[in-house]
PDB file of N, CA and C in Angstrom:
ATOM      1  N   MET A   1      86.861  76.443 172.520  1.00  0.00           N
ATOM      2  CA  MET A   1      87.078  75.536 173.806  1.00  0.00           C
ATOM      3  C   MET A   1      87.221  75.023 173.348  1.00  0.00           C
ATOM      4  N   SER A   2      88.703  73.992 174.182  1.00  0.00           N
ATOM      5  CA  SER A   2      89.005  72.574 174.586  1.00  0.00           C
ATOM      6  C   SER A   2      88.413  71.749 175.589  1.00  0.00           C
ATOM      7  N   THR A   3      88.654  70.361 175.562  1.00  0.00           N
ATOM      8  CA  THR A   3      88.600  68.947 176.277  1.00  0.00           C
ATOM      9  C   THR A   3      88.953  69.045 177.476  1.00  0.00           C
ATOM     10  N   SER A   4      89.723  70.265 178.211  1.00  0.00           N
ATOM     11  CA  SER A   4      90.080  70.124 179.167  1.00  0.00           C
ATOM     12  C   SER A   4      88.965  71.656 180.422  1.00  0.00           C
ATOM     13  N   ASP A   5      88.071  72.047 179.252  1.00  0.00           N
ATOM     14  CA  ASP A   5      87.047  73.173 180.180  1.00  0.00           C
ATOM     15  C   ASP A   5      86.086  71.933 180.999  1.00  0.00           C
ATOM     16  N   PHE A   6      85.623  70.649 180.351  1.00  0.00           N
ATOM     17  CA  PHE A   6      85.365  69.893 180.829  1.00  0.00           C
ATOM     18  C   PHE A   6      85.181  68.953 181.799  1.00  0.00           C
ATOM     19  N   HIS A   7      86.267  68.925 182.469  1.00  0.00           N
ATOM     20  CA  HIS A   7      86.664  68.338 182.826  1.00  0.00           C
ATOM     21  C   HIS A   7      86.621  69.275 184.220  1.00  0.00           C
ATOM     22  N   SER A   8      87.113  68.511 185.301  1.00  0.00           N
ATOM     23  CA  SER A   8      86.357  68.294 186.965  1.00  0.00           C
ATOM     24  C   SER A   8      88.216  68.870 187.574  1.00  0.00           C
ATOM     25  N   ALA A   9      88.443  68.530 188.786  1.00  0.00           N
ATOM     26  CA  ALA A   9      89.468  68.571 189.414  1.00  0.00           C
ATOM     27  C   ALA A   9      90.181  67.069 189.674  1.00  0.00           C
ATOM     28  N   HIS A  10      91.473  66.595 189.530  1.00  0.00           N
ATOM     29  CA  HIS A  10      92.183  65.893 189.343  1.00  0.00           C
ATOM     30  C   HIS A  10      93.211  65.902 190.240  1.00  0.00           C
ATOM     31  N   LEU A  11      93.323  64.612 190.903  1.00  0.00           N
ATOM     32  CA  LEU A  11      94.173  64.642 192.244  1.00  0.00           C
ATOM     33  C   LEU A  11      95.632  64.723 192.220  1.00  0.00           C
ATOM     34  N   LYS A  12      96.414  64.969 192.955  1.00  0.00           N
ATOM     35  CA  LYS A  12      97.360  65.161 192.631  1.00  0.00           C
ATOM     36  C   LYS A  12      98.092  63.734 192.847  1.00  0.00           C
ATOM     37  N   PRO A  13      99.502  63.905 192.561  1.00  0.00           N
ATOM     38  CA  PRO A  13      99.868  62.692 192.472  1.00  0.00           C
ATOM     39  C   PRO A  13     100.235  62.470 194.270  1.00  0.00           C
ATOM     40  N   ALA A  14     100.183  60.699 195.206  1.00  0.00           N
ATOM     41  CA  ALA A  14     100.400  60.782 196.400  1.00  0.00           C
ATOM     42  C   ALA A  14     101.865  61.310 196.645  1.00  0.00           C
ATOM     43  N   LYS A  15     101.922  61.914 197.858  1.00  0.00           N
ATOM     44  CA  LYS A  15     103.322  62.119 198.539  1.00  0.00           C
ATOM     45  C   LYS A  15     103.571  61.442 199.334  1.00  0.00           C
ATOM     46  N   ASN A  16     104.918  60.917 199.608  1.00  0.00           N
ATOM     47  CA  ASN A  16     105.324  60.420 200.465  1.00  0.00           C
ATOM     48  C   ASN A  16     104.682  60.698 201.948  1.00  0.00           C
ATOM     49  N   GLY A  17     104.603  59.652 202.924  1.00  0.00           N
ATOM     50  CA  GLY A  17     104.078  59.796 204.057  1.00  0.00           C
ATOM     51  C   GLY A  17     102.221  60.806 203.975  1.00  0.00           C
ATOM     52  N   LEU A  18     101.688  60.067 203.009  1.00  0.00           N
ATOM     53  CA  LEU A  18     100.467  60.670 203.377  1.00  0.00           C
ATOM     54  C   LEU A  18      99.427  59.637 204.340  1.00  0.00           C
ATOM     55  N   THR A  19      98.877  60.775 204.444  1.00  0.00           N
ATOM     56  CA  THR A  19      97.415  59.423 205.136  1.00  0.00           C
ATOM     57  C   THR A  19      97.120  58.829 204.769  1.00  0.00           C
ATOM     58  N   LYS A  20      96.606  57.441 205.435  1.00  0.00           N
ATOM     59  CA  LYS A  20      95.847  56.692 205.178  1.00  0.00           C
ATOM     60  C   LYS A  20      94.004  57.204 205.377  1.00  0.00           C
ATOM     61  N   ILE A  21      93.021  56.741 204.945  1.00  0.00           N
ATOM     62  CA  ILE A  21      91.713  57.049 204.832  1.00  0.00           C
ATOM     63  C   ILE A  21      91.334  55.845 204.901  1.00  0.00           C
ATOM     64  N   SER A  22      90.860  55.983 206.464  1.00  0.00           N
ATOM     65  CA  SER A  22      89.323  54.698 206.443  1.00  0.00           C
ATOM     66  C   SER A  22      88.421  54.566 205.714  1.00  0.00           C
ATOM     67  N   TRP A  23      88.580  53.511 204.420  1.00  0.00           N
ATOM     68  CA  TRP A  23      87.646  53.590 203.983  1.00  0.00           C
ATOM     69  C   TRP A  23      86.274  52.283 204.058  1.00  0.00           C
ATOM     70  N   SER A  24      85.406  52.478 203.976  1.00  0.00           N
ATOM     71  CA  SER A  24      84.359  51.859 204.401  1.00  0.00           C
ATOM     72  C   SER A  24      83.536  51.451 203.276  1.00  0.00           C
ATOM     73  N   ALA A  25      82.580  50.131 203.465  1.00  0.00           N
ATOM     74  CA  ALA A  25      81.492  50.602 202.975  1.00  0.00           C
ATOM     75  C   ALA A  25      80.274  51.395 202.879  1.00  0.00           C
ATOM     76  N   SER A  26      79.731  51.932 201.526  1.00  0.00           N
ATOM     77  CA  SER A  26      78.631  53.036 201.353  1.00  0.00           C
ATOM     78  C   SER A  26      77.422  52.276 202.692  1.00  0.00           C
ATOM     79  N   THR A  27      76.416  53.393 202.846  1.00  0.00           N
ATOM     80  CA  THR A  27      75.632  52.906 203.677  1.00  0.00           C
ATOM     81  C   THR A  27      74.119  53.707 203.380  1.00  0.00           C
ATOM     82  N   ASP A  28      73.166  53.918 203.556  1.00  0.00           N
ATOM     83  CA  ASP A  28      71.764  54.607 203.677  1.00  0.00           C
ATOM     84  C   ASP A  28      72.101  54.873 204.728  1.00  0.00           C
ATOM     85  N   ARG A  29      72.777  55.936 205.740  1.00  0.00           N
ATOM     86  CA  ARG A  29      72.737  56.923 206.656  1.00  0.00           C
ATOM     87  C   ARG A  29      71.910  57.730 206.555  1.00  0.00           C
ATOM     88  N   ALA A  30      71.530  58.815 205.302  1.00  0.00           N
ATOM     89  CA  ALA A  30      71.336  59.761 205.652  1.00  0.00           C
ATOM     90  C   ALA A  30      69.749  59.675 204.046  1.00  0.00           C
ATOM     91  N   VAL A  31      68.800  59.849 204.061  1.00  0.00           N
ATOM     92  CA  VAL A  31      67.902  60.201 203.471  1.00  0.00           C
ATOM     93  C   VAL A  31      68.100  60.854 202.483  1.00  0.00           C
ATOM     94  N   SER A  32      69.191  62.171 202.463  1.00  0.00           N
ATOM     95  CA  SER A  32      69.355  62.807 201.784  1.00  0.00           C
ATOM     96  C   SER A  32      70.658  63.291 201.797  1.00  0.00           C
ATOM     97  N   ILE A  33      71.302  63.258 200.434  1.00  0.00           N
ATOM     98  CA  ILE A  33      73.015  64.115 200.970  1.00  0.00           C
ATOM     99  C   ILE A  33      73.398  64.796 199.300  1.00  0.00           C
ATOM    100  N   ARG A  34      73.910  65.769 199.859  1.00  0.00           N
ATOM    101  CA  ARG A  34      74.458  66.637 199.162  1.00  0.00           C
ATOM    102  C   ARG A  34      75.937  66.549 198.541  1.00  0.00           C
ATOM    103  N   VAL A  35      75.890  67.044 197.192  1.00  0.00           N
ATOM    104  CA  VAL A  35      77.346  66.593 196.704  1.00  0.00           C
ATOM    105  C   VAL A  35      77.849  67.907 196.686  1.00  0.00           C
ATOM    106  N   ARG A  36      79.060  68.689 197.135  1.00  0.00           N
ATOM    107  CA  ARG A  36      79.575  69.450 196.894  1.00  0.00           C
ATOM    108  C   ARG A  36      80.654  69.811 196.998  1.00  0.00           C
ATOM    109  N   SER A  37      81.152  68.778 196.382  1.00  0.00           N
ATOM    110  CA  SER A  37      82.730  69.700 195.511  1.00  0.00           C
ATOM    111  C   SER A  37      82.671  67.665 194.573  1.00  0.00           C
ATOM    112  N   HIS A  38      82.983  67.278 193.754  1.00  0.00           N
ATOM    113  CA  HIS A  38      83.515  66.224 193.005  1.00  0.00           C
ATOM    114  C   HIS A  38      84.691  66.448 192.285  1.00  0.00           C
ATOM    115  N   THR A  39      85.588  65.626 192.284  1.00  0.00           N
ATOM    116  CA  THR A  39      86.524  65.108 190.793  1.00  0.00           C
ATOM    117  C   THR A  39      85.988  64.852 189.528  1.00  0.00           C
ATOM    118  N   CYS A  40      87.285  64.696 188.607  1.00  0.00           N
ATOM    119  CA  CYS A  40      86.767  64.573 187.600  1.00  0.00           C
ATOM    120  C   CYS A  40      86.187  62.724 187.074  1.00  0.00           C
ATOM    121  N   GLY A  41      85.598  62.739 185.857  1.00  0.00           N
ATOM    122  CA  GLY A  41      84.850  61.025 185.829  1.00  0.00           C
ATOM    123  C   GLY A  41      85.988  60.624 185.029  1.00  0.00           C
ATOM    124  N   CYS A  42      86.856  61.243 184.651  1.00  0.00           N
ATOM    125  CA  CYS A  42      87.580  60.481 183.574  1.00  0.00           C
ATOM    126  C   CYS A  42      88.662  59.568 184.218  1.00  0.00           C
ATOM    127  N   ILE A  43      88.933  59.946 184.742  1.00  0.00           N
ATOM    128  CA  ILE A  43      89.231  58.184 185.642  1.00  0.00           C
ATOM    129  C   ILE A  43      88.573  57.115 186.308  1.00  0.00           C
ATOM    130  N   PRO A  44      89.275  56.059 186.388  1.00  0.00           N
ATOM    131  CA  PRO A  44      88.630  54.977 187.104  1.00  0.00           C
ATOM    132  C   PRO A  44      88.478  55.193 188.788  1.00  0.00           C
ATOM    133  N   THR A  45      88.892  55.367 188.998  1.00  0.00           N
ATOM    134  CA  THR A  45      88.317  56.398 190.626  1.00  0.00           C
ATOM    135  C   THR A  45      88.165  57.651 190.714  1.00  0.00           C
ATOM    136  N   SER A  46      86.455  57.615 191.030  1.00  0.00           N
ATOM    137  CA  SER A  46      86.269  59.463 191.346  1.00  0.00           C
ATOM    138  C   SER A  46      86.105  59.282 192.875  1.00  0.00           C
ATOM    139  N   TYR A  47      86.113  60.773 193.609  1.00  0.00           N
ATOM    140  CA  TYR A  47      85.807  61.133 195.102  1.00  0.00           C
ATOM    141  C   TYR A  47      84.252  62.388 194.770  1.00  0.00           C
ATOM    142  N   GLU A  48      84.050  62.059 195.825  1.00  0.00           N
ATOM    143  CA  GLU A  48      82.818  63.267 196.109  1.00  0.00           C
ATOM    144  C   GLU A  48      82.534  63.512 197.154  1.00  0.00           C
ATOM    145  N   LEU A  49      83.315  65.352 197.371  1.00  0.00           N
ATOM    146  CA  LEU A  49      83.126  65.476 199.409  1.00  0.00           C
ATOM    147  C   LEU A  49      81.042  65.621 199.151  1.00  0.00           C
ATOM    148  N   CYS A  50      80.428  64.548 200.002  1.00  0.00           N
ATOM    149  CA  CYS A  50      79.725  65.648 200.527  1.00  0.00           C
ATOM    150  C   CYS A  50      78.410  65.769 201.910  1.00  0.00           C
ATOM    151  N   GLU A  51      77.456  65.792 202.079  1.00  0.00           N
ATOM    152  CA  GLU A  51      77.415  66.752 203.414  1.00  0.00           C
ATOM    153  C   GLU A  51      75.868  65.870 203.533  1.00  0.00           C
ATOM    154  N   ALA A  52      75.762  65.682 205.506  1.00  0.00           N
ATOM    155  CA  ALA A  52      74.402  64.951 205.337  1.00  0.00           C
ATOM    156  C   ALA A  52      74.205  64.794 206.773  1.00  0.00           C
ATOM    157  N   ALA A  53      72.695  65.190 206.916  1.00  0.00           N
ATOM    158  CA  ALA A  53      72.829  65.527 208.879  1.00  0.00           C
ATOM    159  C   ALA A  53      73.521  65.732 209.004  1.00  0.00           C
ATOM    160  N   GLY A  54      74.435  66.999 209.437  1.00  0.00           N
ATOM    161  CA  GLY A  54      75.126  68.016 209.305  1.00  0.00           C
ATOM    162  C   GLY A  54      76.837  67.752 209.628  1.00  0.00           C
ATOM    163  N   LEU A  55      76.534  66.669 209.276  1.00  0.00           N
ATOM    164  CA  LEU A  55      77.987  65.664 208.595  1.00  0.00           C
ATOM    165  C   LEU A  55      78.762  66.163 207.392  1.00  0.00           C
ATOM    166  N   ALA A  56      80.288  65.723 207.517  1.00  0.00           N
ATOM    167  CA  ALA A  56      80.330  65.596 206.117  1.00  0.00           C
ATOM    168  C   ALA A  56      81.266  64.234 205.764  1.00  0.00           C
ATOM    169  N   PHE A  57      81.198  64.021 204.509  1.00  0.00           N
ATOM    170  CA  PHE A  57      82.204  62.558 204.214  1.00  0.00           C
ATOM    171  C   PHE A  57      82.798  63.005 203.130  1.00  0.00           C
ATOM    172  N   ILE A  58      83.923  61.750 202.610  1.00  0.00           N
ATOM    173  CA  ILE A  58      84.284  61.941 201.092  1.00  0.00           C
ATOM    174  C   ILE A  58      83.768  60.017 200.771  1.00  0.00           C
ATOM    175  N   ARG A  59      83.186  60.328 199.362  1.00  0.00           N
ATOM    176  CA  ARG A  59      82.505  59.273 198.928  1.00  0.00           C
ATOM    177  C   ARG A  59      83.419  58.940 197.423  1.00  0.00           C
ATOM    178  N   ARG A  60      84.109  57.450 197.598  1.00  0.00           N
ATOM    179  CA  ARG A  60      84.597  56.920 196.542  1.00  0.00           C
ATOM    180  C   ARG A  60      84.056  56.179 195.784  1.00  0.00           C
ATOM    181  N   THR A  61      84.475  56.092 194.269  1.00  0.00           N
ATOM    182  CA  THR A  61      83.405  55.060 193.186  1.00  0.00           C
ATOM    183  C   THR A  61      84.649  54.871 192.182  1.00  0.00           C
ATOM    184  N   VAL A  62      85.105  53.518 192.281  1.00  0.00           N
ATOM    185  CA  VAL A  62      85.892  52.771 191.499  1.00  0.00           C
ATOM    186  C   VAL A  62      85.157  52.473 190.248  1.00  0.00           C
ATOM    187  N   ARG A  63      84.860  52.491 189.386  1.00  0.00           N
ATOM    188  CA  ARG A  63      84.562  52.007 188.420  1.00  0.00           C
ATOM    189  C   ARG A  63      85.750  50.762 187.657  1.00  0.00           C
ATOM    190  N   SER A  64      84.637  49.784 186.847  1.00  0.00           N
ATOM    191  CA  SER A  64      85.616  48.609 186.031  1.00  0.00           C
ATOM    192  C   SER A  64      84.375  48.333 185.414  1.00  0.00           C
ATOM    193  N   SER A  65      85.111  47.458 184.271  1.00  0.00           N
ATOM    194  CA  SER A  65      83.705  46.433 183.042  1.00  0.00           C
ATOM    195  C   SER A  65      83.337  45.446 184.338  1.00  0.00           C
ATOM    196  N   ALA A  66      83.767  45.233 185.565  1.00  0.00           N
ATOM    197  CA  ALA A  66      82.529  44.277 185.689  1.00  0.00           C
ATOM    198  C   ALA A  66      82.171  44.893 186.483  1.00  0.00           C
ATOM    199  N   SER A  67      82.106  45.967 187.368  1.00  0.00           N
ATOM    200  CA  SER A  67      81.463  46.415 188.988  1.00  0.00           C
ATOM    201  C   SER A  67      81.772  47.849 188.500  1.00  0.00           C
ATOM    202  N   THR A  68      81.050  48.301 189.889  1.00  0.00           N
ATOM    203  CA  THR A  68      81.289  49.402 190.502  1.00  0.00           C
ATOM    204  C   THR A  68      81.034  49.247 191.700  1.00  0.00           C
ATOM    205  N   HIS A  69      82.361  49.535 192.868  1.00  0.00           N
ATOM    206  CA  HIS A  69      82.301  49.486 193.974  1.00  0.00           C
ATOM    207  C   HIS A  69      82.817  50.796 194.420  1.00  0.00           C
ATOM    208  N   VAL A  70      82.099  51.602 195.212  1.00  0.00           N
ATOM    209  CA  VAL A  70      80.623  52.854 196.344  1.00  0.00           C
ATOM    210  C   VAL A  70      81.725  52.838 197.880  1.00  0.00           C
ATOM    211  N   SER A  71      82.461  53.603 198.155  1.00  0.00           N
ATOM    212  CA  SER A  71      82.646  53.348 199.604  1.00  0.00           C
ATOM    213  C   SER A  71      82.787  54.934 200.232  1.00  0.00           C
ATOM    214  N   GLU A  72      83.232  55.230 201.739  1.00  0.00           N
ATOM    215  CA  GLU A  72      83.369  56.022 202.093  1.00  0.00           C
ATOM    216  C   GLU A  72      84.146  56.482 202.419  1.00  0.00           C
ATOM    217  N   SER A  73      84.399  57.499 203.070  1.00  0.00           N
ATOM    218  CA  SER A  73      85.357  57.896 204.530  1.00  0.00           C
ATOM    219  C   SER A  73      84.737  57.778 205.889  1.00  0.00           C
ATOM    220  N   PRO A  74      84.964  57.823 206.758  1.00  0.00           N
ATOM    221  CA  PRO A  74      84.410  58.296 208.104  1.00  0.00           C
ATOM    222  C   PRO A  74      83.607  59.586 207.658  1.00  0.00           C
ATOM    223  N   TRP A  75      82.907  59.262 208.266  1.00  0.00           N
ATOM    224  CA  TRP A  75      81.823  60.819 208.529  1.00  0.00           C
ATOM    225  C   TRP A  75      82.229  62.193 209.392  1.00  0.00           C
ATOM    226  N   LEU A  76      82.931  63.376 209.237  1.00  0.00           N
ATOM    227  CA  LEU A  76      83.389  63.851 209.989  1.00  0.00           C
ATOM    228  C   LEU A  76      82.187  65.722 210.146  1.00  0.00           C
ATOM    229  N   GLN A  77      82.973  66.254 211.255  1.00  0.00           N
ATOM    230  CA  GLN A  77      82.499  67.658 210.899  1.00  0.00           C
ATOM    231  C   GLN A  77      82.506  68.102 210.093  1.00  0.00           C
ATOM    232  N   ARG A  78      82.287  69.209 209.409  1.00  0.00           N
ATOM    233  CA  ARG A  78      81.591  69.591 208.358  1.00  0.00           C
ATOM    234  C   ARG A  78      83.716  69.885 208.293  1.00  0.00           C
ATOM    235  N   ALA A  79      84.294  71.193 208.848  1.00  0.00           N
ATOM    236  CA  ALA A  79      85.767  71.982 209.132  1.00  0.00           C
ATOM    237  C   ALA A  79      86.525  70.629 208.833  1.00  0.00           C
ATOM    238  N   ALA A  80      86.583  69.175 209.148  1.00  0.00           N
ATOM    239  CA  ALA A  80      87.433  67.913 209.418  1.00  0.00           C
ATOM    240  C   ALA A  80      87.471  67.690 207.976  1.00  0.00           C
ATOM    241  N   ALA A  81      85.992  67.615 207.207  1.00  0.00           N
ATOM    242  CA  ALA A  81      86.130  66.809 206.595  1.00  0.00           C
ATOM    243  C   ALA A  81      86.715  67.275 205.042  1.00  0.00           C
ATOM    244  N   ILE A  82      86.461  69.146 205.229  1.00  0.00           N
ATOM    245  CA  ILE A  82      87.004  70.071 203.985  1.00  0.00           C
ATOM    246  C   ILE A  82      88.553  69.291 203.958  1.00  0.00           C
ATOM    247  N   LYS A  83      88.800  69.574 206.016  1.00  0.00           N
ATOM    248  CA  LYS A  83      90.600  69.418 205.273  1.00  0.00           C
ATOM    249  C   LYS A  83      90.681  68.013 205.187  1.00  0.00           C
ATOM    250  N   LEU A  84      90.114  67.134 205.258  1.00  0.00           N
ATOM    251  CA  LEU A  84      90.576  65.893 204.408  1.00  0.00           C
ATOM    252  C   LEU A  84      90.237  65.534 203.008  1.00  0.00           C
ATOM    253  N   TRP A  85      89.685  66.350 201.947  1.00  0.00           N
ATOM    254  CA  TRP A  85      89.201  66.648 201.325  1.00  0.00           C
ATOM    255  C   TRP A  85      90.399  67.425 200.262  1.00  0.00           C
ATOM    256  N   THR A  86      90.708  68.512 200.921  1.00  0.00           N
ATOM    257  CA  THR A  86      92.068  69.342 200.490  1.00  0.00           C
ATOM    258  C   THR A  86      93.570  68.301 200.263  1.00  0.00           C
ATOM    259  N   ALA A  87      93.221  67.228 201.353  1.00  0.00           N
ATOM    260  CA  ALA A  87      94.610  66.598 201.203  1.00  0.00           C
ATOM    261  C   ALA A  87      94.089  65.457 200.343  1.00  0.00           C
ATOM    262  N   LEU A  88      93.095  65.017 200.274  1.00  0.00           N
ATOM    263  CA  LEU A  88      92.793  63.833 199.511  1.00  0.00           C
ATOM    264  C   LEU A  88      93.604  64.293 197.607  1.00  0.00           C
ATOM    265  N   LEU A  89      93.321  65.895 197.875  1.00  0.00           N
ATOM    266  CA  LEU A  89      92.896  66.720 196.120  1.00  0.00           C
ATOM    267  C   LEU A  89      94.648  66.963 196.311  1.00  0.00           C
ATOM    268  N   GLU A  90      95.603  66.907 197.099  1.00  0.00           N
ATOM    269  CA  GLU A  90      96.572  67.988 196.857  1.00  0.00           C
ATOM    270  C   GLU A  90      97.637  66.260 197.528  1.00  0.00           C
ATOM    271  N   GLY A  91      97.306  65.530 197.310  1.00  0.00           N
ATOM    272  CA  GLY A  91      97.613  64.394 197.560  1.00  0.00           C
ATOM    273  C   GLY A  91      98.607  63.950 198.648  1.00  0.00           C
ATOM    274  N   TRP A  92      98.217  64.388 199.922  1.00  0.00           N
ATOM    275  CA  TRP A  92      98.558  63.980 201.535  1.00  0.00           C
ATOM    276  C   TRP A  92      97.888  63.304 202.399  1.00  0.00           C
ATOM    277  N   ALA A  93      96.520  62.794 201.360  1.00  0.00           N
ATOM    278  CA  ALA A  93      95.780  61.626 201.955  1.00  0.00           C
ATOM    279  C   ALA A  93      94.942  60.541 200.960  1.00  0.00           C
ATOM    280  N   ARG A  94      94.728  58.929 200.979  1.00  0.00           N
ATOM    281  CA  ARG A  94      94.763  58.821 199.766  1.00  0.00           C
ATOM    282  C   ARG A  94      93.723  56.877 200.660  1.00  0.00           C
TER     283      ARG A  94
END
């Protein structure tokens, strides 16, 4: 077993013409949030595809030695959020 067996998805490099995601401060909009997918935590910025209250969004966590900053994409219908998640993973959104 290699160390790569323990890694989750990594983002592909950003492509020209990528879509800018409108990140905003994380809120306590729902009591319960389910993480459907996530990127690897081996780098300082990680992402999670989340669902709550019939909607979905991407949570971005940026870690540094000084602090941790959490932000969210707009809350969308599930199909639109999955499309945005795929674009993020493939380098077409940031």
